Amino acid sequence: CPNNTQYLDSSFGVNLCMDCVSPCVFCSSKDNCTSCIDGYYLNMDSQKCIACVITCKTCHNGSDTGCLSCYGDSQLVGGKCMVVQVAVQSVI
């Protein structure tokens, strides 16, 4: 197949290039991912994409301290995505 976003499937008696199925970005077969979309991490043992905790944009495992990057206004602190609250002072 021309790129890693497809895998070679010969289950129908002919060789076909099939698209990887989300959440896989890249794959080596129908059931084996090599890279995942944001919000998922690759379990190296099963070759499956597993969801990160909901606050993580990217992660290296499924724990709440496994975040590598965060969404929006959240900030990465000790592997966790924390919402940063800005204190607003009023001037009188």
Protein backbone atom coordinates (compact mmCIF):
# COMPACT_ATOMS: atom_id res chain seq x y z
CA CYS A 1 0.00 0.00 0.00
CA PRO A 2 1.26 3.50 -0.76
CA ASN A 3 1.25 4.82 2.82
CA ASN A 4 0.84 3.80 6.47
CA THR A 5 -2.76 5.05 6.61
CA GLN A 6 -3.72 1.84 4.79
CA TYR A 7 -3.05 -1.85 5.31
CA LEU A 8 -2.95 -4.79 2.90
CA ASP A 9 -6.05 -7.00 3.19
CA SER A 10 -6.15 -10.29 1.31
CA SER A 11 -9.15 -11.77 3.12
CA PHE A 12 -11.34 -11.58 -0.02
CA GLY A 13 -8.88 -13.58 -2.13
CA VAL A 14 -7.38 -10.46 -3.70
CA ASN A 15 -4.95 -7.92 -2.29
CA LEU A 16 -6.72 -4.67 -1.38
CA CYS A 17 -5.39 -1.57 0.34
CA MET A 18 -7.85 -0.72 3.11
CA ASP A 19 -7.94 2.50 5.15
CA CYS A 20 -6.98 2.33 8.81
CA VAL A 21 -10.00 2.63 11.07
CA SER A 22 -10.23 5.51 13.56
CA PRO A 23 -8.90 6.01 16.20
CA CYS A 24 -5.87 4.57 14.36
CA VAL A 25 -3.95 7.07 12.24
CA PHE A 26 -1.40 4.56 11.02
CA CYS A 27 -1.80 0.78 11.07
CA SER A 28 -0.12 -2.44 9.99
CA SER A 29 -3.36 -4.46 9.75
CA LYS A 30 -7.09 -4.12 10.45
CA ASP A 31 -6.54 -4.81 14.14
CA ASN A 32 -3.03 -3.40 14.73
CA CYS A 33 -2.50 0.33 15.10
CA THR A 34 0.90 1.99 15.04
CA SER A 35 -0.28 5.56 15.80
CA CYS A 36 -3.48 7.10 17.22
CA ILE A 37 -5.54 10.29 16.90
CA ASP A 38 -5.47 12.92 19.66
CA GLY A 39 -7.31 11.75 22.77
CA TYR A 40 -5.93 8.19 22.45
CA TYR A 41 -2.65 6.44 23.21
CA LEU A 42 -1.17 3.32 21.65
CA ASN A 43 -1.13 0.27 23.91
CA MET A 44 2.07 -1.41 22.71
CA ASP A 45 1.03 -4.88 23.94
CA SER A 46 -2.34 -5.01 22.17
CA GLN A 47 -1.51 -2.59 19.32
CA LYS A 48 -4.85 -0.87 20.03
CA CYS A 49 -5.67 2.80 20.54
CA ILE A 50 -7.04 3.34 24.05
CA ALA A 51 -8.83 6.52 25.15
CA CYS A 52 -6.98 9.00 27.35
CA VAL A 53 -8.82 10.51 30.30
CA ILE A 54 -11.18 13.15 28.95
CA THR A 55 -9.06 16.13 30.05
CA CYS A 56 -5.97 15.02 28.06
CA LYS A 57 -5.44 16.00 24.43
CA THR A 58 -2.58 13.51 24.17
CA CYS A 59 -1.34 10.99 26.72
CA HIS A 60 1.04 8.09 27.21
CA ASN A 61 -1.36 5.99 29.30
CA GLY A 62 -4.94 6.05 30.55
CA SER A 63 -4.26 7.35 34.03
CA ASP A 64 -5.20 10.85 35.18
CA THR A 65 -1.47 11.64 35.48
CA GLY A 66 -0.60 10.33 32.00
CA CYS A 67 -1.35 13.50 30.02
CA LEU A 68 1.25 14.87 27.61
CA SER A 69 -0.79 17.86 26.37
CA CYS A 70 -4.11 19.51 27.21
CA TYR A 71 -7.09 21.12 25.50
CA GLY A 72 -7.86 24.83 25.47
CA ASP A 73 -7.11 26.80 28.61
CA SER A 74 -6.00 23.79 30.65
CA GLN A 75 -2.39 23.62 31.77
CA LEU A 76 -0.23 20.50 32.19
CA VAL A 77 0.81 20.10 35.83
CA GLY A 78 2.47 16.86 36.94
CA GLY A 79 0.93 14.91 34.08
CA LYS A 80 -2.57 16.25 34.80
CA CYS A 81 -4.53 18.84 32.84
CA MET A 82 -5.70 21.55 35.22
CA VAL A 83 -8.02 24.44 34.44
CA VAL A 84 -6.21 27.67 35.16
CA GLN A 85 -8.41 30.21 36.90
CA VAL A 86 -7.44 33.83 36.59
CA ALA A 87 -8.21 36.04 39.54
CA VAL A 88 -9.91 39.24 38.49
CA GLN A 89 -9.44 42.30 40.65
CA SER A 90 -11.82 45.16 40.41
CA VAL A 91 -10.51 48.66 40.61
CA ILE A 92 -12.71 51.13 42.44
